[in-house]
Amino acid sequence: MNTLTARLVAGLMAFERVITGASVWCGCAMMAAAACVGLYQVLTRFILNEPATWSEPFIRVSLIWMAYLGLAGAIRAGALVSVDFLYRMSRGRWRRALEGAVSLATLCLLGLLFWFGSDLAYRVRFQNLAGLEIPISYAYAAIPVGSLISMLSVVAHYFDPRRDELETAV
């Protein structure tokens, strides 16, 4: 790589590290919020006998956001489930070509998720989420947002692959 390309890749990696870190942090915060609200829901339902109407949809939306925001961290760490037979059998250029093909296929899938997720979020923008009285598109927005962040992670994973669990697996 020439110096300009190396600097662009280094800049991309630094940007991705910040974005993916923030995404994983927000995903963890959503999980913590879902757990706390779940505890609140149990307390209000079974101890106070006055169930909260907003807690269940809040937990659902939080878990959806958690999954899509956490996807970027899983992609970056190389922790997605894979069939690694070809990866273990390939070396050198063939392995790099395989990594490129997998990255391209993943980018295509995430591009489809972004396209259809954006369309879905746009279509339901006037519907409200029962119990929360917010547009349901806030929940569906997790699909395109998570897909975009994950696309960045796929590109970063291509340039700097991490496969700790694959290398140490038996």
N, C-alpha and C. Protein backbone atom coordinates (compact mmCIF):
# COMPACT_ATOMS: atom_id res chain seq x y z
N MET A 1 0.84 -1.19 0.00
CA MET A 1 0.00 0.00 0.00
C MET A 1 0.88 1.24 0.00
N ASN A 2 0.46 2.22 -0.76
CA ASN A 2 1.21 3.47 -0.72
C ASN A 2 0.82 4.26 0.53
N THR A 3 1.52 5.34 0.78
CA THR A 3 1.31 6.08 2.03
C THR A 3 -0.07 6.72 2.10
N LEU A 4 -0.59 7.20 0.98
CA LEU A 4 -1.92 7.81 1.00
C LEU A 4 -2.98 6.77 1.35
N THR A 5 -2.89 5.61 0.74
CA THR A 5 -3.84 4.54 1.03
C THR A 5 -3.72 4.09 2.48
N ALA A 6 -2.49 3.97 2.94
CA ALA A 6 -2.27 3.55 4.33
C ALA A 6 -2.85 4.58 5.30
N ARG A 7 -2.72 5.86 4.99
CA ARG A 7 -3.28 6.89 5.87
C ARG A 7 -4.80 6.88 5.82
N LEU A 8 -5.37 6.64 4.64
CA LEU A 8 -6.83 6.54 4.54
C LEU A 8 -7.36 5.36 5.35
N VAL A 9 -6.68 4.24 5.24
CA VAL A 9 -7.10 3.05 5.99
C VAL A 9 -6.95 3.31 7.49
N ALA A 10 -5.85 3.95 7.90
CA ALA A 10 -5.65 4.25 9.32
C ALA A 10 -6.74 5.20 9.83
N GLY A 11 -7.09 6.19 9.01
CA GLY A 11 -8.17 7.10 9.39
C GLY A 11 -9.51 6.38 9.49
N LEU A 12 -9.77 5.49 8.53
CA LEU A 12 -11.00 4.70 8.56
C LEU A 12 -11.05 3.84 9.81
N MET A 13 -9.92 3.23 10.16
CA MET A 13 -9.87 2.36 11.34
C MET A 13 -10.11 3.16 12.62
N ALA A 14 -9.54 4.36 12.70
CA ALA A 14 -9.76 5.19 13.89
C ALA A 14 -11.22 5.61 13.99
N PHE A 15 -11.80 6.02 12.85
CA PHE A 15 -13.21 6.40 12.83
C PHE A 15 -14.10 5.23 13.21
N GLU A 16 -13.80 4.06 12.64
CA GLU A 16 -14.58 2.86 12.93
C GLU A 16 -14.48 2.47 14.40
N ARG A 17 -13.31 2.60 14.98
CA ARG A 17 -13.12 2.24 16.38
C ARG A 17 -14.02 3.09 17.28
N VAL A 18 -14.11 4.37 16.98
CA VAL A 18 -14.96 5.27 17.77
C VAL A 18 -16.44 4.93 17.56
N ILE A 19 -16.85 4.77 16.32
CA ILE A 19 -18.26 4.50 16.00
C ILE A 19 -18.69 3.15 16.55
N THR A 20 -17.88 2.12 16.34
CA THR A 20 -18.24 0.79 16.84
C THR A 20 -18.24 0.76 18.36
N GLY A 21 -17.28 1.44 18.97
CA GLY A 21 -17.25 1.51 20.44
C GLY A 21 -18.49 2.18 20.99
N ALA A 22 -18.91 3.28 20.36
CA ALA A 22 -20.12 3.97 20.79
C ALA A 22 -21.35 3.10 20.55
N SER A 23 -21.35 2.38 19.44
CA SER A 23 -22.48 1.50 19.14
C SER A 23 -22.60 0.38 20.17
N VAL A 24 -21.49 -0.24 20.50
CA VAL A 24 -21.51 -1.31 21.50
C VAL A 24 -21.90 -0.76 22.86
N TRP A 25 -21.38 0.41 23.20
CA TRP A 25 -21.74 1.03 24.48
C TRP A 25 -23.25 1.30 24.52
N CYS A 26 -23.81 1.85 23.46
CA CYS A 26 -25.25 2.12 23.42
C CYS A 26 -26.05 0.82 23.47
N GLY A 27 -25.57 -0.21 22.79
CA GLY A 27 -26.24 -1.51 22.85
C GLY A 27 -26.25 -2.06 24.27
N CYS A 28 -25.13 -1.92 24.98
CA CYS A 28 -25.08 -2.36 26.38
C CYS A 28 -26.02 -1.54 27.25
N ALA A 29 -26.09 -0.24 26.99
CA ALA A 29 -27.00 0.62 27.75
C ALA A 29 -28.45 0.22 27.50
N MET A 30 -28.76 -0.15 26.27
CA MET A 30 -30.12 -0.61 25.95
C MET A 30 -30.44 -1.91 26.68
N MET A 31 -29.45 -2.79 26.77
CA MET A 31 -29.66 -4.05 27.50
C MET A 31 -29.88 -3.78 28.98
N ALA A 32 -29.09 -2.88 29.55
CA ALA A 32 -29.26 -2.53 30.96
C ALA A 32 -30.62 -1.88 31.20
N ALA A 33 -31.02 -1.00 30.29
CA ALA A 33 -32.33 -0.35 30.42
C ALA A 33 -33.45 -1.38 30.34
N ALA A 34 -33.33 -2.32 29.41
CA ALA A 34 -34.36 -3.36 29.27
C ALA A 34 -34.43 -4.21 30.54
N ALA A 35 -33.29 -4.53 31.13
CA ALA A 35 -33.29 -5.33 32.37
C ALA A 35 -33.92 -4.56 33.52
N CYS A 36 -33.58 -3.29 33.65
CA CYS A 36 -34.16 -2.47 34.74
C CYS A 36 -35.66 -2.30 34.57
N VAL A 37 -36.09 -2.01 33.35
CA VAL A 37 -37.52 -1.85 33.11
C VAL A 37 -38.24 -3.18 33.26
N GLY A 38 -37.58 -4.28 32.92
CA GLY A 38 -38.17 -5.60 33.14
C GLY A 38 -38.39 -5.87 34.62
N LEU A 39 -37.43 -5.50 35.44
CA LEU A 39 -37.59 -5.63 36.88
C LEU A 39 -38.74 -4.75 37.38
N TYR A 40 -38.80 -3.52 36.86
CA TYR A 40 -39.89 -2.62 37.21
C TYR A 40 -41.23 -3.22 36.81
N GLN A 41 -41.30 -3.83 35.64
CA GLN A 41 -42.54 -4.44 35.16
C GLN A 41 -42.97 -5.58 36.09
N VAL A 42 -42.04 -6.40 36.51
CA VAL A 42 -42.37 -7.50 37.42
C VAL A 42 -42.87 -6.96 38.75
N LEU A 43 -42.20 -5.94 39.27
CA LEU A 43 -42.62 -5.35 40.55
C LEU A 43 -44.01 -4.75 40.47
N THR A 44 -44.27 -3.97 39.43
CA THR A 44 -45.59 -3.34 39.32
C THR A 44 -46.69 -4.35 39.05
N ARG A 45 -46.38 -5.40 38.32
CA ARG A 45 -47.42 -6.37 37.98
C ARG A 45 -47.73 -7.30 39.14
N PHE A 46 -46.71 -7.85 39.78
CA PHE A 46 -46.95 -8.90 40.76
C PHE A 46 -46.93 -8.43 42.21
N ILE A 47 -46.33 -7.30 42.49
CA ILE A 47 -46.31 -6.81 43.87
C ILE A 47 -47.35 -5.72 44.07
N LEU A 48 -47.39 -4.76 43.14
CA LEU A 48 -48.34 -3.66 43.26
C LEU A 48 -49.68 -3.95 42.59
N ASN A 49 -49.75 -5.00 41.80
CA ASN A 49 -50.96 -5.36 41.05
C ASN A 49 -51.46 -4.23 40.16
N GLU A 50 -50.55 -3.40 39.70
CA GLU A 50 -50.84 -2.30 38.78
C GLU A 50 -49.81 -2.33 37.65
N PRO A 51 -49.99 -3.18 36.65
CA PRO A 51 -48.97 -3.30 35.60
C PRO A 51 -48.81 -2.00 34.81
N ALA A 52 -47.57 -1.69 34.50
CA ALA A 52 -47.27 -0.51 33.68
C ALA A 52 -47.54 -0.86 32.22
N THR A 53 -48.21 0.04 31.53
CA THR A 53 -48.56 -0.23 30.13
C THR A 53 -47.40 0.04 29.19
N TRP A 54 -46.44 0.82 29.61
CA TRP A 54 -45.35 1.23 28.73
C TRP A 54 -44.13 0.32 28.82
N SER A 55 -44.04 -0.51 29.84
CA SER A 55 -42.79 -1.25 30.07
C SER A 55 -42.53 -2.33 29.02
N GLU A 56 -43.53 -3.08 28.64
CA GLU A 56 -43.30 -4.15 27.67
C GLU A 56 -42.87 -3.62 26.30
N PRO A 57 -43.56 -2.61 25.74
CA PRO A 57 -43.07 -2.10 24.45
C PRO A 57 -41.69 -1.44 24.57
N PHE A 58 -41.40 -0.83 25.70
CA PHE A 58 -40.07 -0.24 25.90
C PHE A 58 -38.99 -1.32 25.88
N ILE A 59 -39.25 -2.43 26.55
CA ILE A 59 -38.29 -3.54 26.57
C ILE A 59 -38.09 -4.08 25.16
N ARG A 60 -39.17 -4.24 24.43
CA ARG A 60 -39.09 -4.76 23.06
C ARG A 60 -38.24 -3.85 22.18
N VAL A 61 -38.50 -2.55 22.23
CA VAL A 61 -37.74 -1.60 21.42
C VAL A 61 -36.27 -1.58 21.86
N SER A 62 -36.03 -1.62 23.16
CA SER A 62 -34.65 -1.63 23.67
C SER A 62 -33.88 -2.85 23.19
N LEU A 63 -34.52 -4.00 23.19
CA LEU A 63 -33.84 -5.22 22.75
C LEU A 63 -33.58 -5.22 21.24
N ILE A 64 -34.49 -4.63 20.49
CA ILE A 64 -34.27 -4.51 19.04
C ILE A 64 -33.05 -3.63 18.78
N TRP A 65 -33.00 -2.47 19.43
CA TRP A 65 -31.85 -1.58 19.27
C TRP A 65 -30.56 -2.24 19.76
N MET A 66 -30.65 -2.96 20.89
CA MET A 66 -29.47 -3.63 21.43
C MET A 66 -28.90 -4.61 20.40
N ALA A 67 -29.75 -5.38 19.76
CA ALA A 67 -29.29 -6.37 18.80
C ALA A 67 -28.62 -5.72 17.59
N TYR A 68 -29.25 -4.70 17.04
CA TYR A 68 -28.68 -4.08 15.84
C TYR A 68 -27.45 -3.25 16.14
N LEU A 69 -27.37 -2.63 17.31
CA LEU A 69 -26.17 -1.89 17.66
C LEU A 69 -25.04 -2.83 18.05
N GLY A 70 -25.36 -3.94 18.68
CA GLY A 70 -24.34 -4.91 19.06
C GLY A 70 -23.79 -5.69 17.88
N LEU A 71 -24.53 -5.74 16.79
CA LEU A 71 -24.08 -6.46 15.60
C LEU A 71 -22.75 -5.93 15.10
N ALA A 72 -22.55 -4.63 15.14
CA ALA A 72 -21.30 -4.04 14.67
C ALA A 72 -20.12 -4.55 15.48
N GLY A 73 -20.28 -4.63 16.78
CA GLY A 73 -19.20 -5.14 17.63
C GLY A 73 -18.91 -6.61 17.36
N ALA A 74 -19.94 -7.39 17.12
CA ALA A 74 -19.75 -8.82 16.81
C ALA A 74 -19.04 -9.00 15.48
N ILE A 75 -19.41 -8.21 14.49
CA ILE A 75 -18.75 -8.29 13.19
C ILE A 75 -17.29 -7.90 13.33
N ARG A 76 -17.04 -6.82 14.05
CA ARG A 76 -15.66 -6.33 14.19
C ARG A 76 -14.77 -7.33 14.91
N ALA A 77 -15.33 -8.03 15.86
CA ALA A 77 -14.55 -9.01 16.62
C ALA A 77 -14.44 -10.34 15.88
N GLY A 78 -15.15 -10.49 14.76
CA GLY A 78 -15.14 -11.76 14.04
C GLY A 78 -15.86 -12.85 14.80
N ALA A 79 -16.87 -12.46 15.58
CA ALA A 79 -17.55 -13.40 16.47
C ALA A 79 -18.85 -13.96 15.90
N LEU A 80 -19.16 -13.68 14.65
CA LEU A 80 -20.37 -14.24 14.07
C LEU A 80 -20.17 -15.71 13.77
N VAL A 81 -21.24 -16.46 13.82
CA VAL A 81 -21.17 -17.88 13.53
C VAL A 81 -20.78 -18.06 12.06
N SER A 82 -19.83 -18.94 11.82
CA SER A 82 -19.40 -19.16 10.45
C SER A 82 -19.01 -20.62 10.25
N VAL A 83 -19.04 -21.01 9.00
CA VAL A 83 -18.50 -22.31 8.61
C VAL A 83 -17.09 -22.00 8.14
N ASP A 84 -16.11 -22.45 8.90
CA ASP A 84 -14.74 -22.01 8.65
C ASP A 84 -13.88 -23.04 7.93
N PHE A 85 -14.48 -24.04 7.32
CA PHE A 85 -13.72 -25.07 6.63
C PHE A 85 -12.84 -24.46 5.54
N LEU A 86 -13.42 -23.66 4.66
CA LEU A 86 -12.64 -23.05 3.58
C LEU A 86 -11.58 -22.10 4.13
N TYR A 87 -11.91 -21.38 5.17
CA TYR A 87 -10.95 -20.46 5.77
C TYR A 87 -9.74 -21.22 6.30
N ARG A 88 -9.97 -22.33 6.96
CA ARG A 88 -8.86 -23.13 7.51
C ARG A 88 -8.03 -23.78 6.41
N MET A 89 -8.64 -24.10 5.28
CA MET A 89 -7.93 -24.77 4.20
C MET A 89 -7.17 -23.79 3.29
N SER A 90 -7.51 -22.53 3.32
CA SER A 90 -6.89 -21.58 2.40
C SER A 90 -5.72 -20.86 3.07
N ARG A 91 -4.81 -20.41 2.23
CA ARG A 91 -3.63 -19.67 2.67
C ARG A 91 -3.36 -18.55 1.66
N GLY A 92 -2.66 -17.53 2.11
CA GLY A 92 -2.18 -16.48 1.21
C GLY A 92 -3.26 -15.76 0.45
N ARG A 93 -3.07 -15.73 -0.88
CA ARG A 93 -4.02 -15.00 -1.74
C ARG A 93 -5.41 -15.60 -1.71
N TRP A 94 -5.49 -16.91 -1.63
CA TRP A 94 -6.81 -17.56 -1.61
C TRP A 94 -7.57 -17.17 -0.36
N ARG A 95 -6.89 -17.11 0.77
CA ARG A 95 -7.55 -16.71 2.01
C ARG A 95 -8.02 -15.25 1.91
N ARG A 96 -7.18 -14.40 1.33
CA ARG A 96 -7.56 -12.99 1.20
C ARG A 96 -8.75 -12.85 0.25
N ALA A 97 -8.77 -13.65 -0.83
CA ALA A 97 -9.91 -13.63 -1.76
C ALA A 97 -11.17 -14.12 -1.06
N LEU A 98 -11.04 -15.15 -0.24
CA LEU A 98 -12.19 -15.65 0.52
C LEU A 98 -12.70 -14.59 1.49
N GLU A 99 -11.79 -13.92 2.17
CA GLU A 99 -12.19 -12.84 3.07
C GLU A 99 -12.90 -11.72 2.32
N GLY A 100 -12.40 -11.41 1.13
CA GLY A 100 -13.05 -10.39 0.30
C GLY A 100 -14.44 -10.80 -0.13
N ALA A 101 -14.59 -12.07 -0.53
CA ALA A 101 -15.91 -12.57 -0.94
C ALA A 101 -16.89 -12.56 0.22
N VAL A 102 -16.44 -12.98 1.39
CA VAL A 102 -17.31 -12.98 2.57
C VAL A 102 -17.68 -11.54 2.93
N SER A 103 -16.72 -10.63 2.88
CA SER A 103 -17.00 -9.23 3.19
C SER A 103 -18.00 -8.63 2.20
N LEU A 104 -17.81 -8.95 0.93
CA LEU A 104 -18.73 -8.44 -0.09
C LEU A 104 -20.14 -8.99 0.10
N ALA A 105 -20.25 -10.28 0.39
CA ALA A 105 -21.57 -10.87 0.63
C ALA A 105 -22.23 -10.26 1.86
N THR A 106 -21.44 -10.03 2.90
CA THR A 106 -21.98 -9.42 4.12
C THR A 106 -22.42 -7.98 3.84
N LEU A 107 -21.63 -7.24 3.07
CA LEU A 107 -22.01 -5.86 2.72
C LEU A 107 -23.29 -5.85 1.89
N CYS A 108 -23.45 -6.81 1.00
CA CYS A 108 -24.69 -6.90 0.20
C CYS A 108 -25.90 -7.16 1.11
N LEU A 109 -25.75 -8.09 2.04
CA LEU A 109 -26.84 -8.38 2.97
C LEU A 109 -27.18 -7.15 3.81
N LEU A 110 -26.15 -6.50 4.34
CA LEU A 110 -26.39 -5.29 5.15
C LEU A 110 -26.98 -4.16 4.30
N GLY A 111 -26.59 -4.09 3.04
CA GLY A 111 -27.18 -3.10 2.13
C GLY A 111 -28.67 -3.36 1.93
N LEU A 112 -29.04 -4.62 1.77
CA LEU A 112 -30.46 -4.97 1.67
C LEU A 112 -31.21 -4.64 2.95
N LEU A 113 -30.60 -4.95 4.09
CA LEU A 113 -31.23 -4.60 5.36
C LEU A 113 -31.41 -3.09 5.48
N PHE A 114 -30.40 -2.34 5.06
CA PHE A 114 -30.51 -0.89 5.12
C PHE A 114 -31.63 -0.39 4.22
N TRP A 115 -31.67 -0.89 2.99
CA TRP A 115 -32.67 -0.44 2.02
C TRP A 115 -34.09 -0.74 2.50
N PHE A 116 -34.34 -1.99 2.83
CA PHE A 116 -35.69 -2.37 3.22
C PHE A 116 -36.03 -1.87 4.62
N GLY A 117 -35.05 -1.78 5.52
CA GLY A 117 -35.29 -1.22 6.85
C GLY A 117 -35.66 0.26 6.78
N SER A 118 -34.97 0.99 5.90
CA SER A 118 -35.30 2.41 5.72
C SER A 118 -36.70 2.57 5.16
N ASP A 119 -37.04 1.75 4.19
CA ASP A 119 -38.37 1.80 3.60
C ASP A 119 -39.44 1.47 4.63
N LEU A 120 -39.17 0.45 5.44
CA LEU A 120 -40.13 0.06 6.47
C LEU A 120 -40.31 1.16 7.52
N ALA A 121 -39.21 1.74 7.97
CA ALA A 121 -39.29 2.82 8.96
C ALA A 121 -40.05 4.02 8.38
N TYR A 122 -39.86 4.29 7.10
CA TYR A 122 -40.57 5.40 6.47
C TYR A 122 -42.07 5.11 6.36
N ARG A 123 -42.41 3.87 6.02
CA ARG A 123 -43.83 3.52 5.82
C ARG A 123 -44.64 3.58 7.11
N VAL A 124 -44.04 3.27 8.24
CA VAL A 124 -44.79 3.21 9.50
C VAL A 124 -44.61 4.48 10.35
N ARG A 125 -44.12 5.53 9.75
CA ARG A 125 -43.81 6.75 10.52
C ARG A 125 -45.03 7.40 11.17
N PHE A 126 -46.22 7.11 10.68
CA PHE A 126 -47.41 7.72 11.25
C PHE A 126 -48.12 6.81 12.25
N GLN A 127 -47.62 5.59 12.44
CA GLN A 127 -48.21 4.68 13.42
C GLN A 127 -47.50 4.85 14.75
N ASN A 128 -48.27 4.78 15.82
CA ASN A 128 -47.68 4.90 17.16
C ASN A 128 -47.54 3.55 17.82
N LEU A 129 -46.54 3.42 18.65
CA LEU A 129 -46.29 2.21 19.42
C LEU A 129 -47.21 2.23 20.63
N ALA A 130 -48.07 1.23 20.75
CA ALA A 130 -49.02 1.17 21.86
C ALA A 130 -48.27 1.13 23.18
N GLY A 131 -48.72 1.95 24.10
CA GLY A 131 -48.12 1.99 25.43
C GLY A 131 -47.08 3.08 25.57
N LEU A 132 -46.35 3.37 24.49
CA LEU A 132 -45.33 4.42 24.56
C LEU A 132 -45.76 5.70 23.86
N GLU A 133 -46.68 5.57 22.92
CA GLU A 133 -47.18 6.70 22.16
C GLU A 133 -46.06 7.46 21.45
N ILE A 134 -45.13 6.72 20.90
CA ILE A 134 -44.09 7.27 20.03
C ILE A 134 -44.23 6.59 18.68
N PRO A 135 -43.75 7.23 17.62
CA PRO A 135 -43.85 6.58 16.31
C PRO A 135 -43.11 5.24 16.30
N ILE A 136 -43.73 4.25 15.72
CA ILE A 136 -43.13 2.91 15.66
C ILE A 136 -41.88 2.92 14.78
N SER A 137 -41.75 3.95 13.97
CA SER A 137 -40.56 4.06 13.13
C SER A 137 -39.30 4.23 13.97
N TYR A 138 -39.42 4.70 15.22
CA TYR A 138 -38.25 4.77 16.11
C TYR A 138 -37.70 3.38 16.38
N ALA A 139 -38.56 2.42 16.48
CA ALA A 139 -38.10 1.05 16.69
C ALA A 139 -37.51 0.48 15.40
N TYR A 140 -38.19 0.69 14.28
CA TYR A 140 -37.71 0.16 13.01
C TYR A 140 -36.46 0.87 12.51
N ALA A 141 -36.18 2.05 13.00
CA ALA A 141 -34.96 2.77 12.60
C ALA A 141 -33.70 2.03 13.03
N ALA A 142 -33.82 1.10 13.96
CA ALA A 142 -32.66 0.31 14.39
C ALA A 142 -32.10 -0.50 13.23
N ILE A 143 -32.93 -0.90 12.30
CA ILE A 143 -32.47 -1.74 11.19
C ILE A 143 -31.51 -0.97 10.28
N PRO A 144 -31.90 0.19 9.72
CA PRO A 144 -30.93 0.89 8.87
C PRO A 144 -29.74 1.47 9.63
N VAL A 145 -29.97 1.95 10.85
CA VAL A 145 -28.85 2.50 11.62
C VAL A 145 -27.83 1.41 11.95
N GLY A 146 -28.32 0.29 12.45
CA GLY A 146 -27.42 -0.82 12.76
C GLY A 146 -26.73 -1.37 11.53
N SER A 147 -27.43 -1.38 10.41
CA SER A 147 -26.83 -1.86 9.17
C SER A 147 -25.69 -0.97 8.71
N LEU A 148 -25.88 0.34 8.78
CA LEU A 148 -24.82 1.27 8.38
C LEU A 148 -23.58 1.13 9.25
N ILE A 149 -23.80 1.07 10.56
CA ILE A 149 -22.66 0.93 11.47
C ILE A 149 -21.97 -0.42 11.23
N SER A 150 -22.75 -1.44 10.97
CA SER A 150 -22.18 -2.77 10.71
C SER A 150 -21.41 -2.80 9.40
N MET A 151 -21.86 -2.04 8.40
CA MET A 151 -21.11 -1.96 7.14
C MET A 151 -19.71 -1.41 7.39
N LEU A 152 -19.62 -0.40 8.22
CA LEU A 152 -18.33 0.17 8.58
C LEU A 152 -17.46 -0.88 9.27
N SER A 153 -18.07 -1.67 10.13
CA SER A 153 -17.34 -2.73 10.83
C SER A 153 -16.86 -3.82 9.87
N VAL A 154 -17.65 -4.13 8.86
CA VAL A 154 -17.25 -5.14 7.87
C VAL A 154 -16.01 -4.66 7.12
N VAL A 155 -16.02 -3.42 6.70
CA VAL A 155 -14.87 -2.87 5.98
C VAL A 155 -13.63 -2.86 6.89
N ALA A 156 -13.80 -2.45 8.13
CA ALA A 156 -12.68 -2.45 9.07
C ALA A 156 -12.19 -3.87 9.33
N HIS A 157 -13.11 -4.81 9.43
CA HIS A 157 -12.71 -6.20 9.67
C HIS A 157 -11.95 -6.76 8.47
N TYR A 158 -12.28 -6.31 7.28
CA TYR A 158 -11.55 -6.76 6.10
C TYR A 158 -10.10 -6.28 6.16
N PHE A 159 -9.89 -5.02 6.53
CA PHE A 159 -8.53 -4.48 6.58
C PHE A 159 -7.76 -4.94 7.82
N ASP A 160 -8.46 -5.22 8.90
CA ASP A 160 -7.80 -5.66 10.14
C ASP A 160 -8.62 -6.80 10.75
N PRO A 161 -8.49 -8.01 10.19
CA PRO A 161 -9.32 -9.12 10.68
C PRO A 161 -8.94 -9.54 12.09
N ARG A 162 -9.97 -9.84 12.87
CA ARG A 162 -9.79 -10.36 14.23
C ARG A 162 -10.58 -11.65 14.32
N ARG A 163 -9.90 -12.72 14.64
CA ARG A 163 -10.56 -14.01 14.76
C ARG A 163 -9.95 -14.80 15.90
N ASP A 164 -9.93 -14.23 17.07
CA ASP A 164 -9.30 -14.89 18.21
C ASP A 164 -9.92 -16.24 18.50
N GLU A 165 -11.26 -16.31 18.48
CA GLU A 165 -11.90 -17.58 18.83
C GLU A 165 -11.71 -18.61 17.72
N LEU A 166 -11.56 -18.17 16.48
CA LEU A 166 -11.35 -19.11 15.38
C LEU A 166 -9.94 -19.70 15.44
N GLU A 167 -8.97 -18.88 15.77
CA GLU A 167 -7.58 -19.35 15.81
C GLU A 167 -7.33 -20.29 17.00
N THR A 168 -8.06 -20.12 18.08
CA THR A 168 -7.83 -20.97 19.25
C THR A 168 -8.80 -22.14 19.32
N ALA A 169 -9.73 -22.23 18.37
CA ALA A 169 -10.70 -23.34 18.38
C ALA A 169 -10.01 -24.64 18.01
N VAL A 170 -10.55 -25.70 18.51
CA VAL A 170 -9.99 -27.03 18.23
C VAL A 170 -10.58 -27.58 16.96
